[in-house]
N, C-alpha and C. Protein backbone atom coordinates (compact mmCIF):
# COMPACT_ATOMS: atom_id res chain seq x y z
N UNK A 1 -5.25 9.40 -14.94
CA UNK A 1 -5.86 10.71 -14.86
C UNK A 1 -4.76 11.75 -14.62
N UNK A 2 -4.69 12.74 -15.47
CA UNK A 2 -3.69 13.78 -15.34
C UNK A 2 -4.32 15.02 -14.70
N UNK A 3 -3.71 15.48 -13.66
CA UNK A 3 -4.19 16.66 -12.96
C UNK A 3 -3.33 17.84 -13.39
N UNK A 4 -3.96 18.94 -13.80
CA UNK A 4 -3.21 20.14 -14.20
C UNK A 4 -2.59 20.78 -12.97
N UNK A 5 -1.32 21.08 -13.07
CA UNK A 5 -0.64 21.79 -12.00
C UNK A 5 0.07 22.99 -12.58
N UNK A 6 0.23 24.00 -11.76
CA UNK A 6 0.89 25.20 -12.24
C UNK A 6 2.40 25.12 -12.12
N UNK A 7 2.91 24.15 -11.37
CA UNK A 7 4.36 24.02 -11.22
C UNK A 7 4.92 23.33 -12.45
N UNK A 8 6.08 23.76 -12.86
CA UNK A 8 6.70 23.27 -14.07
C UNK A 8 7.38 21.93 -13.86
N UNK A 9 7.44 21.15 -14.90
CA UNK A 9 8.26 19.94 -14.89
C UNK A 9 9.64 20.25 -15.45
N UNK A 10 9.90 21.54 -15.69
CA UNK A 10 11.20 21.98 -16.16
C UNK A 10 12.07 22.27 -14.93
N UNK A 11 13.14 21.48 -14.72
CA UNK A 11 13.94 21.67 -13.51
C UNK A 11 14.61 23.03 -13.43
N UNK A 12 14.90 23.63 -14.56
CA UNK A 12 15.55 24.95 -14.56
C UNK A 12 14.59 26.05 -14.10
N UNK A 13 13.33 25.94 -14.51
CA UNK A 13 12.32 26.90 -14.05
C UNK A 13 12.09 26.72 -12.54
N UNK A 14 12.06 25.47 -12.08
CA UNK A 14 11.88 25.21 -10.65
C UNK A 14 13.04 25.78 -9.85
N UNK A 15 14.27 25.55 -10.32
CA UNK A 15 15.46 26.06 -9.63
C UNK A 15 15.49 27.59 -9.67
N UNK A 16 15.14 28.17 -10.80
CA UNK A 16 15.10 29.64 -10.90
C UNK A 16 14.02 30.21 -9.98
N UNK A 17 12.90 29.52 -9.86
CA UNK A 17 11.84 29.97 -8.95
C UNK A 17 12.33 30.00 -7.51
N UNK A 18 13.06 28.97 -7.12
CA UNK A 18 13.62 28.92 -5.76
C UNK A 18 14.62 30.05 -5.56
N UNK A 19 15.51 30.25 -6.54
CA UNK A 19 16.51 31.32 -6.44
C UNK A 19 15.84 32.69 -6.41
N UNK A 20 14.80 32.88 -7.20
CA UNK A 20 14.09 34.15 -7.22
C UNK A 20 13.42 34.42 -5.88
N UNK A 21 12.79 33.39 -5.30
CA UNK A 21 12.16 33.56 -3.99
C UNK A 21 13.19 33.96 -2.94
N UNK A 22 14.31 33.25 -2.91
CA UNK A 22 15.36 33.55 -1.94
C UNK A 22 15.89 34.96 -2.15
N UNK A 23 16.16 35.33 -3.40
CA UNK A 23 16.68 36.68 -3.70
C UNK A 23 15.69 37.76 -3.28
N UNK A 24 14.42 37.54 -3.56
CA UNK A 24 13.39 38.51 -3.18
C UNK A 24 13.29 38.64 -1.66
N UNK A 25 13.25 37.52 -0.97
CA UNK A 25 13.14 37.53 0.49
C UNK A 25 14.33 38.24 1.13
N UNK A 26 15.53 37.88 0.71
CA UNK A 26 16.73 38.48 1.29
C UNK A 26 16.80 39.97 0.94
N UNK A 27 16.42 40.34 -0.26
CA UNK A 27 16.43 41.76 -0.64
C UNK A 27 15.46 42.56 0.22
N UNK A 28 14.27 42.02 0.45
CA UNK A 28 13.30 42.72 1.29
C UNK A 28 13.84 42.86 2.72
N UNK A 29 14.45 41.80 3.25
CA UNK A 29 15.00 41.88 4.60
C UNK A 29 16.16 42.87 4.65
N UNK A 30 17.07 42.79 3.67
CA UNK A 30 18.27 43.64 3.68
C UNK A 30 17.92 45.11 3.47
N UNK A 31 17.20 45.39 2.38
CA UNK A 31 16.89 46.78 2.06
C UNK A 31 15.78 47.34 2.95
N UNK A 32 14.86 46.47 3.36
CA UNK A 32 13.78 46.93 4.24
C UNK A 32 14.31 47.37 5.58
N UNK A 33 15.34 46.69 6.08
CA UNK A 33 15.90 47.08 7.37
C UNK A 33 16.62 48.42 7.29
N UNK A 34 17.00 48.84 6.10
CA UNK A 34 17.62 50.16 5.93
C UNK A 34 16.57 51.27 5.86
N UNK A 35 15.35 50.90 5.52
CA UNK A 35 14.28 51.88 5.36
C UNK A 35 13.46 52.08 6.62
N UNK A 36 13.43 51.08 7.48
CA UNK A 36 12.58 51.14 8.66
C UNK A 36 13.43 50.99 9.92
N UNK A 37 12.97 51.62 10.96
CA UNK A 37 13.63 51.46 12.25
C UNK A 37 13.24 50.11 12.82
N UNK A 38 14.24 49.32 13.19
CA UNK A 38 13.96 48.00 13.74
C UNK A 38 13.43 48.18 15.17
N UNK A 39 12.30 47.54 15.48
CA UNK A 39 11.71 47.70 16.81
C UNK A 39 12.56 47.03 17.88
N UNK A 40 12.25 47.40 19.11
CA UNK A 40 12.92 46.77 20.25
C UNK A 40 12.68 45.26 20.20
N UNK A 41 13.65 44.48 20.68
CA UNK A 41 13.45 43.03 20.69
C UNK A 41 12.16 42.65 21.42
N UNK A 42 11.43 41.75 20.81
CA UNK A 42 10.19 41.27 21.42
C UNK A 42 9.96 39.84 20.96
N UNK A 43 8.92 39.25 21.46
CA UNK A 43 8.58 37.88 21.08
C UNK A 43 8.21 37.79 19.60
N UNK A 44 7.84 38.91 18.99
CA UNK A 44 7.44 38.90 17.59
C UNK A 44 8.61 38.60 16.65
N UNK A 45 9.83 38.92 17.04
CA UNK A 45 10.98 38.66 16.16
C UNK A 45 11.18 37.16 15.96
N UNK A 46 11.28 36.34 17.02
CA UNK A 46 11.42 34.90 16.76
C UNK A 46 10.18 34.28 16.11
N UNK A 47 9.00 34.81 16.42
CA UNK A 47 7.79 34.29 15.76
C UNK A 47 7.86 34.56 14.27
N UNK A 48 8.27 35.77 13.90
CA UNK A 48 8.38 36.12 12.49
C UNK A 48 9.45 35.28 11.79
N UNK A 49 10.61 35.11 12.44
CA UNK A 49 11.68 34.33 11.83
C UNK A 49 11.28 32.87 11.64
N UNK A 50 10.64 32.29 12.64
CA UNK A 50 10.19 30.91 12.52
C UNK A 50 9.10 30.78 11.45
N UNK A 51 8.23 31.76 11.36
CA UNK A 51 7.19 31.76 10.33
C UNK A 51 7.81 31.83 8.94
N UNK A 52 8.82 32.70 8.78
CA UNK A 52 9.52 32.77 7.49
C UNK A 52 10.22 31.46 7.16
N UNK A 53 10.79 30.81 8.16
CA UNK A 53 11.44 29.52 7.95
C UNK A 53 10.44 28.47 7.46
N UNK A 54 9.29 28.40 8.11
CA UNK A 54 8.26 27.43 7.73
C UNK A 54 7.74 27.73 6.33
N UNK A 55 7.48 29.01 6.04
CA UNK A 55 7.03 29.39 4.70
C UNK A 55 8.07 29.01 3.66
N UNK A 56 9.33 29.28 3.95
CA UNK A 56 10.40 28.96 3.01
C UNK A 56 10.52 27.45 2.81
N UNK A 57 10.42 26.68 3.87
CA UNK A 57 10.49 25.22 3.75
C UNK A 57 9.34 24.70 2.89
N UNK A 58 8.15 25.25 3.09
CA UNK A 58 7.00 24.83 2.29
C UNK A 58 7.20 25.17 0.82
N UNK A 59 7.68 26.37 0.54
CA UNK A 59 7.90 26.76 -0.85
C UNK A 59 9.01 25.96 -1.51
N UNK A 60 10.09 25.70 -0.78
CA UNK A 60 11.17 24.90 -1.35
C UNK A 60 10.70 23.47 -1.60
N UNK A 61 9.87 22.94 -0.70
CA UNK A 61 9.29 21.63 -0.94
C UNK A 61 8.45 21.62 -2.20
N UNK A 62 7.70 22.68 -2.39
CA UNK A 62 6.87 22.79 -3.59
C UNK A 62 7.74 22.88 -4.84
N UNK A 63 8.78 23.73 -4.81
CA UNK A 63 9.64 23.90 -5.97
C UNK A 63 10.43 22.64 -6.31
N UNK A 64 10.91 21.92 -5.29
CA UNK A 64 11.80 20.79 -5.51
C UNK A 64 11.12 19.43 -5.51
N UNK A 65 10.04 19.27 -4.73
CA UNK A 65 9.52 17.93 -4.48
C UNK A 65 8.15 17.66 -5.11
N UNK A 66 7.33 18.67 -5.30
CA UNK A 66 5.95 18.45 -5.72
C UNK A 66 5.84 17.67 -7.03
N UNK A 67 6.50 18.15 -8.07
CA UNK A 67 6.41 17.45 -9.36
C UNK A 67 7.03 16.06 -9.33
N UNK A 68 8.20 15.87 -8.70
CA UNK A 68 8.70 14.50 -8.61
C UNK A 68 7.74 13.55 -7.89
N UNK A 69 7.07 14.02 -6.84
CA UNK A 69 6.10 13.17 -6.15
C UNK A 69 4.93 12.85 -7.08
N UNK A 70 4.49 13.84 -7.85
CA UNK A 70 3.42 13.60 -8.83
C UNK A 70 3.84 12.50 -9.81
N UNK A 71 5.08 12.58 -10.29
CA UNK A 71 5.58 11.57 -11.21
C UNK A 71 5.65 10.20 -10.54
N UNK A 72 6.05 10.17 -9.28
CA UNK A 72 6.08 8.91 -8.54
C UNK A 72 4.69 8.30 -8.41
N UNK A 73 3.72 9.14 -8.11
CA UNK A 73 2.34 8.68 -7.99
C UNK A 73 1.85 8.11 -9.32
N UNK A 74 2.30 8.73 -10.42
CA UNK A 74 1.92 8.25 -11.75
C UNK A 74 2.72 7.01 -12.17
N UNK A 75 3.67 6.59 -11.32
CA UNK A 75 4.43 5.38 -11.62
C UNK A 75 5.74 5.62 -12.36
N UNK A 76 6.15 6.85 -12.52
CA UNK A 76 7.38 7.16 -13.26
C UNK A 76 8.52 7.44 -12.28
N UNK A 77 9.06 6.37 -11.69
CA UNK A 77 10.11 6.50 -10.69
C UNK A 77 11.38 7.11 -11.30
N UNK A 78 11.75 6.67 -12.47
CA UNK A 78 12.96 7.19 -13.13
C UNK A 78 12.80 8.68 -13.46
N UNK A 79 11.66 9.05 -13.99
CA UNK A 79 11.39 10.45 -14.30
C UNK A 79 11.39 11.33 -13.06
N UNK A 80 10.82 10.80 -11.97
CA UNK A 80 10.77 11.54 -10.70
C UNK A 80 12.18 11.78 -10.17
N UNK A 81 13.00 10.74 -10.19
CA UNK A 81 14.38 10.87 -9.72
C UNK A 81 15.16 11.84 -10.58
N UNK A 82 15.00 11.72 -11.89
CA UNK A 82 15.73 12.60 -12.81
C UNK A 82 15.31 14.06 -12.61
N UNK A 83 14.01 14.32 -12.49
CA UNK A 83 13.53 15.69 -12.31
C UNK A 83 14.05 16.27 -11.00
N UNK A 84 13.99 15.50 -9.92
CA UNK A 84 14.46 15.99 -8.63
C UNK A 84 15.95 16.30 -8.68
N UNK A 85 16.74 15.35 -9.15
CA UNK A 85 18.20 15.55 -9.17
C UNK A 85 18.62 16.66 -10.14
N UNK A 86 17.94 16.78 -11.25
CA UNK A 86 18.25 17.84 -12.19
C UNK A 86 17.90 19.20 -11.61
N UNK A 87 16.79 19.28 -10.89
CA UNK A 87 16.41 20.53 -10.23
C UNK A 87 17.45 20.92 -9.18
N UNK A 88 17.87 19.95 -8.37
CA UNK A 88 18.88 20.22 -7.35
C UNK A 88 20.20 20.65 -8.01
N UNK A 89 20.59 19.97 -9.09
CA UNK A 89 21.82 20.32 -9.78
C UNK A 89 21.73 21.73 -10.38
N UNK A 90 20.60 22.04 -11.00
CA UNK A 90 20.41 23.38 -11.58
C UNK A 90 20.48 24.45 -10.49
N UNK A 91 19.86 24.18 -9.33
CA UNK A 91 19.90 25.13 -8.22
C UNK A 91 21.33 25.26 -7.69
N UNK A 92 22.06 24.16 -7.62
CA UNK A 92 23.45 24.21 -7.18
C UNK A 92 24.29 25.06 -8.14
N UNK A 93 24.04 24.93 -9.43
CA UNK A 93 24.76 25.74 -10.43
C UNK A 93 24.42 27.22 -10.28
N UNK A 94 23.15 27.53 -10.10
CA UNK A 94 22.74 28.92 -9.89
C UNK A 94 23.40 29.48 -8.65
N UNK A 95 23.42 28.70 -7.57
CA UNK A 95 24.05 29.12 -6.33
C UNK A 95 25.55 29.34 -6.55
N UNK A 96 26.18 28.42 -7.26
CA UNK A 96 27.61 28.56 -7.57
C UNK A 96 27.92 29.81 -8.36
N UNK A 97 27.09 30.11 -9.35
CA UNK A 97 27.28 31.32 -10.16
C UNK A 97 27.12 32.56 -9.28
N UNK A 98 26.13 32.55 -8.39
CA UNK A 98 25.94 33.71 -7.50
C UNK A 98 27.14 33.89 -6.57
N UNK A 99 27.64 32.81 -6.00
CA UNK A 99 28.79 32.90 -5.09
C UNK A 99 30.03 33.36 -5.84
N UNK A 100 30.28 32.78 -7.02
CA UNK A 100 31.44 33.21 -7.81
C UNK A 100 31.34 34.67 -8.23
N UNK A 101 30.15 35.10 -8.60
CA UNK A 101 29.94 36.50 -8.98
C UNK A 101 30.23 37.41 -7.79
N UNK A 102 29.74 37.04 -6.63
CA UNK A 102 29.97 37.84 -5.42
C UNK A 102 31.46 37.90 -5.12
N UNK A 103 32.16 36.76 -5.21
CA UNK A 103 33.59 36.75 -4.95
C UNK A 103 34.37 37.59 -5.94
N UNK A 104 34.00 37.49 -7.21
CA UNK A 104 34.68 38.28 -8.24
C UNK A 104 34.42 39.79 -8.06
N UNK A 105 33.17 40.14 -7.76
CA UNK A 105 32.82 41.55 -7.59
C UNK A 105 33.40 42.15 -6.30
N UNK A 106 33.62 41.30 -5.29
CA UNK A 106 34.17 41.81 -4.03
C UNK A 106 35.68 41.87 -4.05
N UNK A 107 36.29 41.39 -5.14
CA UNK A 107 37.75 41.49 -5.27
C UNK A 107 38.52 40.37 -4.59
N UNK A 108 37.86 39.31 -4.20
CA UNK A 108 38.54 38.20 -3.55
C UNK A 108 39.48 37.52 -4.55
N UNK A 109 39.05 37.42 -5.80
CA UNK A 109 39.88 36.79 -6.84
C UNK A 109 40.50 37.85 -7.71
């Protein structure tokens, strides 16, 4: 029985989704802090940070692990391993390109 899922079995789309989420979250935090006055320290800051961490962990699990687990359940161990490792490799490449771009644009090289 095949269950329709909205997550892609394309590792590059999964890796790009993770990178897009991270970029969006960091942009909102970075630029949002320039637009709003940061409140006095309170218990809400660690609650918010921990909540963002849990949300991020859940989304990264979805982007990286959900489809491989589906393949494992369907009995395709080789396909599950390949999809997971290819997604991680694609994400590592995206991360590498972002770091190299930042280094080149900042004049380090």
